[in-house]
Protein backbone atom coordinates (compact mmCIF):
# COMPACT_ATOMS: atom_id res chain seq x y z
CA UNK A 1 21.02 14.12 21.35
CA UNK A 2 18.03 11.84 21.95
CA UNK A 3 19.11 8.17 22.05
CA UNK A 4 16.80 5.81 20.16
CA UNK A 5 16.62 2.46 18.42
CA UNK A 6 15.01 2.12 14.99
CA UNK A 7 13.32 -0.87 13.35
CA UNK A 8 12.99 -1.00 9.57
CA UNK A 9 10.38 -3.58 8.53
CA UNK A 10 9.79 -5.18 5.11
CA UNK A 11 7.08 -7.78 4.49
CA UNK A 12 7.61 -9.90 1.38
CA UNK A 13 5.88 -12.54 -0.71
CA UNK A 14 7.61 -14.09 -3.75
CA UNK A 15 9.52 -11.03 -4.91
CA UNK A 16 13.09 -12.16 -4.32
CA UNK A 17 14.46 -10.28 -7.35
CA UNK A 18 13.05 -6.90 -6.35
CA UNK A 19 13.76 -7.62 -2.68
CA UNK A 20 17.44 -7.96 -3.54
CA UNK A 21 17.37 -4.48 -5.10
CA UNK A 22 15.57 -3.07 -2.06
CA UNK A 23 18.08 -4.55 0.38
CA UNK A 24 20.96 -3.30 -1.78
CA UNK A 25 19.56 0.22 -1.51
CA UNK A 26 19.24 -0.15 2.28
CA UNK A 27 22.86 -1.27 2.29
CA UNK A 28 23.90 1.96 0.49
CA UNK A 29 21.86 4.45 2.57
CA UNK A 30 23.48 6.76 5.08
CA UNK A 31 23.14 5.66 8.70
CA UNK A 32 23.66 8.16 11.54
CA UNK A 33 26.83 7.10 13.38
CA UNK A 34 25.11 7.04 16.76
CA UNK A 35 22.05 5.06 15.65
CA UNK A 36 21.12 1.60 16.93
CA UNK A 37 18.93 -0.04 14.27
CA UNK A 38 17.63 -3.35 12.98
CA UNK A 39 16.10 -4.60 9.73
CA UNK A 40 13.23 -7.12 9.88
CA UNK A 41 12.26 -9.06 6.76
CA UNK A 42 9.04 -11.02 7.17
CA UNK A 43 8.71 -13.98 4.79
CA UNK A 44 4.98 -14.53 4.23
CA UNK A 45 5.09 -18.10 2.80
CA UNK A 46 7.49 -17.32 -0.05
CA UNK A 47 8.17 -20.18 -2.47
CA UNK A 48 10.98 -18.46 -4.39
CA UNK A 49 14.56 -17.61 -3.41
CA UNK A 50 13.66 -15.10 -0.69
CA UNK A 51 15.49 -16.92 2.12
CA UNK A 52 18.71 -17.05 0.12
CA UNK A 53 18.45 -13.34 -0.74
CA UNK A 54 17.99 -12.39 2.92
CA UNK A 55 20.84 -14.65 4.02
CA UNK A 56 23.16 -12.98 1.50
CA UNK A 57 22.81 -9.66 3.34
CA UNK A 58 23.20 -11.07 6.86
CA UNK A 59 26.86 -10.10 7.08
CA UNK A 60 26.42 -6.48 5.99
CA UNK A 61 23.03 -5.48 7.43
CA UNK A 62 21.58 -5.89 10.95
CA UNK A 63 18.94 -8.15 9.45
CA UNK A 64 16.57 -10.55 11.18
CA UNK A 65 14.64 -13.02 9.05
CA UNK A 66 11.11 -13.76 10.28
CA UNK A 67 8.41 -16.10 8.96
CA UNK A 68 4.65 -15.56 9.06
CA UNK A 69 2.80 -18.68 7.87
CA UNK A 70 -0.65 -17.09 7.94
CA UNK A 71 -1.09 -15.56 4.53
CA UNK A 72 -1.75 -11.83 4.19
CA UNK A 73 0.12 -8.55 4.42
CA UNK A 74 -1.68 -7.44 7.58
CA UNK A 75 -0.67 -10.62 9.39
CA UNK A 76 2.92 -10.16 8.23
CA UNK A 77 2.92 -6.57 9.48
CA UNK A 78 1.54 -7.66 12.86
CA UNK A 79 4.29 -10.28 13.11
CA UNK A 80 6.87 -7.53 12.56
CA UNK A 81 5.25 -5.41 15.29
CA UNK A 82 5.55 -8.28 17.77
CA UNK A 83 9.23 -8.74 16.93
CA UNK A 84 10.26 -5.08 16.70
CA UNK A 85 12.76 -3.79 19.25
CA UNK A 86 12.90 -0.20 18.04
CA UNK A 87 11.30 2.93 19.43
CA UNK A 88 9.97 3.61 15.91
CA UNK A 89 9.07 1.24 13.08
CA UNK A 90 9.84 2.47 9.56
CA UNK A 91 7.84 0.53 6.98
CA UNK A 92 8.79 0.01 3.37
CA UNK A 93 8.07 -2.57 0.66
CA UNK A 94 10.00 -5.26 -1.18
CA UNK A 95 9.83 -3.37 -4.48
CA UNK A 96 11.31 0.02 -3.63
CA UNK A 97 14.68 1.74 -3.78
CA UNK A 98 15.27 3.90 -0.72
CA UNK A 99 17.07 7.23 -1.11
CA UNK A 100 20.57 7.62 0.31
CA UNK A 101 19.22 10.03 2.94
CA UNK A 102 15.99 8.11 3.66
CA UNK A 103 16.84 6.79 7.12
CA UNK A 104 18.72 9.96 8.06
CA UNK A 105 15.64 12.06 7.21
CA UNK A 106 13.31 9.92 9.31
CA UNK A 107 15.64 9.94 12.32
CA UNK A 108 15.90 13.72 12.05
CA UNK A 109 12.09 13.97 11.96
CA UNK A 110 11.73 11.72 15.03
CA UNK A 111 14.09 13.99 16.94
CA UNK A 112 12.55 17.22 15.64
CA UNK A 113 8.93 16.22 16.44
CA UNK A 114 9.14 13.89 19.46
CA UNK A 115 5.40 14.27 20.12
CA UNK A 116 4.43 12.95 16.67
CA UNK A 117 3.47 9.30 16.20
CA UNK A 118 3.07 9.02 12.42
CA UNK A 119 5.47 10.04 9.65
CA UNK A 120 5.51 9.62 5.88
CA UNK A 121 7.61 10.54 2.87
CA UNK A 122 7.44 10.72 -0.94
CA UNK A 123 6.93 7.66 -3.14
CA UNK A 124 7.91 8.27 -6.76
CA UNK A 125 7.57 5.90 -9.74
CA UNK A 126 10.36 4.02 -11.47
CA UNK A 127 8.88 2.20 -14.47
CA UNK A 128 10.57 -0.86 -15.90
CA UNK A 129 11.10 -0.13 -19.56
CA UNK A 130 9.00 2.37 -21.47
CA UNK A 131 5.42 2.54 -20.15
CA UNK A 132 2.61 2.40 -22.75
CA UNK A 133 1.45 5.71 -24.18
CA UNK A 134 -1.99 5.55 -22.52
CA UNK A 135 -0.38 5.07 -19.10
CA UNK A 136 2.04 7.98 -19.56
CA UNK A 137 -0.97 10.20 -20.28
CA UNK A 138 -3.00 9.27 -17.22
CA UNK A 139 -0.23 8.99 -14.61
CA UNK A 140 0.48 12.72 -14.89
CA UNK A 141 -2.69 13.56 -12.97
CA UNK A 142 -3.78 12.77 -9.42
CA UNK A 143 -6.63 10.40 -10.32
CA UNK A 144 -4.47 7.31 -10.77
CA UNK A 145 -1.51 7.74 -8.41
CA UNK A 146 -3.15 5.38 -5.90
CA UNK A 147 -2.76 2.31 -8.10
CA UNK A 148 1.02 2.63 -7.81
CA UNK A 149 1.00 3.95 -4.22
CA UNK A 150 2.56 7.22 -5.37
CA UNK A 151 2.72 10.04 -2.84
CA UNK A 152 4.32 13.47 -3.10
CA UNK A 153 2.99 16.33 -0.99
CA UNK A 154 5.83 18.70 -1.76
CA UNK A 155 9.16 19.83 -0.34
CA UNK A 156 8.00 21.36 2.96
CA UNK A 157 7.13 19.52 6.19
CA UNK A 158 3.54 19.86 7.44
CA UNK A 159 1.06 18.22 9.78
CA UNK A 160 -0.71 15.18 8.32
CA UNK A 161 -4.49 15.45 8.02
CA UNK A 162 -6.88 12.49 7.66
CA UNK A 163 -9.86 14.64 6.67
CA UNK A 164 -7.90 16.09 3.74
CA UNK A 165 -6.49 12.66 2.77
CA UNK A 166 -2.99 13.91 3.60
CA UNK A 167 -1.59 10.65 4.95
CA UNK A 168 1.23 8.39 3.73
CA UNK A 169 1.02 5.14 1.76
CA UNK A 170 2.34 1.73 2.72
CA UNK A 171 5.64 1.77 0.83
CA UNK A 172 7.04 4.62 2.91
CA UNK A 173 5.82 5.51 6.40
CA UNK A 174 6.83 5.25 10.04
CA UNK A 175 4.96 4.84 13.30
CA UNK A 176 6.16 5.25 16.87
CA UNK A 177 6.19 1.73 18.30
CA UNK A 178 4.10 2.64 21.35
CA UNK A 179 1.17 3.60 19.10
CA UNK A 180 1.85 0.85 16.57
CA UNK A 181 1.44 -1.85 19.21
CA UNK A 182 -1.94 -0.38 20.17
CA UNK A 183 -3.18 -0.04 16.58
CA UNK A 184 -2.61 -3.30 14.74
CA UNK A 185 -3.40 -4.20 11.13
CA UNK A 186 -6.78 -5.68 10.28
CA UNK A 187 -6.46 -9.02 8.34
CA UNK A 188 -9.61 -8.07 6.39
CA UNK A 189 -7.43 -5.55 4.57
CA UNK A 190 -4.08 -5.88 2.83
CA UNK A 191 -2.86 -7.97 -0.08
CA UNK A 192 -3.35 -11.71 0.26
CA UNK A 193 -2.09 -13.93 -2.58
CA UNK A 194 -4.07 -12.85 -5.68
CA UNK A 195 -6.53 -10.74 -3.68
CA UNK A 196 -6.16 -7.06 -4.63
CA UNK A 197 -7.73 -5.66 -1.47
CA UNK A 198 -5.47 -3.02 0.05
CA UNK A 199 -5.77 -0.19 2.56
CA UNK A 200 -4.49 -1.86 5.73
CA UNK A 201 -2.03 0.96 6.36
CA UNK A 202 -4.45 3.83 5.67
CA UNK A 203 -6.93 2.16 8.04
CA UNK A 204 -4.34 2.05 10.85
CA UNK A 205 -2.88 5.49 10.21
CA UNK A 206 -6.35 7.04 10.11
CA UNK A 207 -7.24 5.44 13.43
CA UNK A 208 -3.99 6.61 15.05
CA UNK A 209 -4.40 10.19 13.85
CA UNK A 210 -8.10 10.30 14.74
CA UNK A 211 -7.20 9.19 18.27
CA UNK A 212 -5.43 12.53 18.72
CA UNK A 213 -1.86 11.64 17.74
CA UNK A 214 0.14 14.00 15.55
CA UNK A 215 1.61 13.11 12.16
CA UNK A 216 4.32 14.79 10.09
CA UNK A 217 5.26 14.83 6.41
CA UNK A 218 9.00 14.19 5.90
CA UNK A 219 9.82 15.38 2.35
CA UNK A 220 13.45 14.21 2.37
CA UNK A 221 12.58 10.60 3.29
CA UNK A 222 11.87 9.49 -0.28
CA UNK A 223 11.74 6.15 -2.09
CA UNK A 224 11.34 4.97 -5.68
CA UNK A 225 8.57 2.45 -6.32
CA UNK A 226 9.54 -0.06 -9.00
CA UNK A 227 6.65 -0.59 -11.45
CA UNK A 228 7.22 -3.84 -13.41
CA UNK A 229 5.79 -4.36 -16.87
CA UNK A 230 3.01 -6.65 -15.64
CA UNK A 231 1.57 -3.73 -13.66
CA UNK A 232 1.62 -1.41 -16.65
CA UNK A 233 -1.55 -2.91 -18.12
CA UNK A 234 -5.25 -2.20 -18.33
CA UNK A 235 -5.89 -5.50 -16.53
CA UNK A 236 -3.81 -4.39 -13.55
CA UNK A 237 -5.64 -1.05 -13.41
CA UNK A 238 -8.98 -2.86 -13.53
CA UNK A 239 -8.06 -5.36 -10.81
CA UNK A 240 -6.65 -2.65 -8.56
CA UNK A 241 -9.86 -0.62 -8.63
CA UNK A 242 -12.03 -3.71 -8.20
CA UNK A 243 -10.04 -4.20 -5.00
CA UNK A 244 -10.77 -0.59 -4.03
CA UNK A 245 -14.49 -1.25 -4.41
CA UNK A 246 -14.25 -4.38 -2.28
CA UNK A 247 -12.25 -2.50 0.36
CA UNK A 248 -14.94 0.18 0.52
CA UNK A 249 -17.60 -2.39 1.37
CA UNK A 250 -15.36 -3.95 4.02
CA UNK A 251 -14.93 -0.53 5.61
CA UNK A 252 -18.71 -0.06 5.45
CA UNK A 253 -20.23 -3.50 6.19
CA UNK A 254 -23.74 -2.06 6.17
CA UNK A 255 -23.32 -1.97 2.38
CA UNK A 256 -23.77 -5.76 2.23
CA UNK A 257 -27.03 -6.01 4.18
CA UNK A 258 -28.94 -9.22 3.46
CA UNK A 259 -32.34 -7.72 4.21
CA UNK A 260 -34.83 -6.70 1.53
CA UNK A 261 -33.31 -3.23 1.39
CA UNK A 262 -29.91 -4.85 0.84
CA UNK A 263 -31.31 -6.79 -2.11
CA UNK A 264 -32.62 -3.58 -3.66
CA UNK A 265 -29.23 -1.96 -3.16
CA UNK A 266 -27.58 -4.92 -4.87
CA UNK A 267 -29.91 -4.70 -7.88
CA UNK A 268 -29.21 -0.98 -8.15
CA UNK A 269 -25.46 -1.66 -8.05
CA UNK A 270 -25.82 -4.30 -10.75
CA UNK A 271 -27.65 -1.84 -13.00
CA UNK A 272 -25.08 0.88 -12.26
CA UNK A 273 -22.20 -1.52 -12.98
CA UNK A 274 -23.70 -2.66 -16.28
CA UNK A 275 -24.38 0.94 -17.33
CA UNK A 276 -20.86 1.97 -16.39
CA UNK A 277 -19.45 -1.03 -18.25
CA UNK A 278 -21.28 -0.03 -21.43
CA UNK A 279 -20.06 3.55 -21.10
CA UNK A 280 -16.49 2.31 -20.70
CA UNK A 281 -16.65 0.14 -23.81
CA UNK A 282 -17.88 3.10 -25.86
CA UNK A 283 -15.34 5.56 -24.46
CA UNK A 284 -12.49 3.07 -24.91
CA UNK A 285 -12.99 3.27 -28.68
CA UNK A 286 -13.57 7.02 -29.12
CA UNK A 287 -12.12 8.93 -26.13
CA UNK A 288 -8.54 9.78 -25.09
CA UNK A 289 -6.89 7.64 -22.35
CA UNK A 290 -7.52 10.10 -19.53
CA UNK A 291 -11.28 9.83 -20.24
CA UNK A 292 -11.69 6.08 -20.74
CA UNK A 293 -9.34 5.31 -17.83
CA UNK A 294 -11.57 7.36 -15.52
CA UNK A 295 -14.54 5.34 -16.75
CA UNK A 296 -12.58 2.11 -16.27
CA UNK A 297 -11.82 3.19 -12.72
CA UNK A 298 -15.48 4.02 -12.05
CA UNK A 299 -16.89 0.79 -13.44
CA UNK A 300 -14.22 -1.34 -11.73
CA UNK A 301 -14.99 0.17 -8.33
CA UNK A 302 -18.69 -0.51 -8.92
CA UNK A 303 -17.97 -4.14 -9.86
CA UNK A 304 -15.79 -4.47 -6.76
CA UNK A 305 -18.57 -3.25 -4.49
CA UNK A 306 -20.99 -5.60 -6.18
CA UNK A 307 -18.61 -8.54 -5.89
CA UNK A 308 -17.92 -7.97 -2.20
CA UNK A 309 -21.61 -7.53 -1.33
CA UNK A 310 -22.49 -10.79 -3.03
CA UNK A 311 -19.60 -12.64 -1.39
CA UNK A 312 -20.79 -11.40 2.01
CA UNK A 313 -24.26 -12.74 1.24
CA UNK A 314 -22.90 -16.16 0.34
CA UNK A 315 -22.82 -15.65 -3.44
CA UNK A 316 -20.08 -14.67 -5.84
CA UNK A 317 -20.72 -13.07 -9.25
CA UNK A 318 -17.06 -13.67 -10.24
CA UNK A 319 -17.96 -15.42 -13.51
CA UNK A 320 -20.30 -12.61 -14.48
CA UNK A 321 -17.66 -10.05 -13.54
CA UNK A 322 -15.01 -11.78 -15.66
CA UNK A 323 -17.37 -11.99 -18.63
CA UNK A 324 -18.25 -8.31 -18.58
CA UNK A 325 -14.78 -6.98 -17.70
């Protein structure tokens, strides 16, 4: 049997209630009898009862409380990397319920594929209350799973593939520590207070896999993602996809060129965003949810690109965006 030490890392910001549920699920999970493991909880400037929640589990979990005063999920993740003592880091979020066999499945995968550096498992939704009818219609397809970080590639293990977008999401993945220390999280990505820019984990995982490392899907390492009522709204959907548009421009900085050509691109984006906005308003009144939600997604991504380009050029069309959206 291969001896190893495992780090589980959770970064949190003002979610003490859901964090308590997450830690309770970690407390219930099966732990291989021969496993040496630790649990890191990184407090990223929480102003709620997070410290008290973490302290309550200190006697029953191998927990270490860390603090990262620089705001942002990427900075909190990097703090966890610096503190990790494990051979592998398993990442999850402060709003999930881990399956009883979650840790067991990951440890089995590490031992089965010792040459792999990246691993990921299913993320399934757990809605608080009854979701609105429009949301139940659209969440059945693949177009909107990203806004709740849902991932399910089936019941069989396979090799992860960046080119086919077969990579895990941030609520449930693991990285061998050797590679994780080489590929750190970019502070330009990741949630930061009210900023909806995401993608810090897909950026890192893509870079690791493109460097030649192998990744594996671990179907038995599953978690439930708690979806509170305030995320079951059209406003949340809009803000999420605006963040996607902004993230796209950050991944492709040439999109925000300040030269004459950049100005023409900006004017074209403005026209496209206004046209898409008009189309959305019409479809919202006459089309079924799966149609108008696609249009909402399209126009929100366009507004996000426009917003990020203008911010990069020293201007912000936030007031215009709020008026039209």
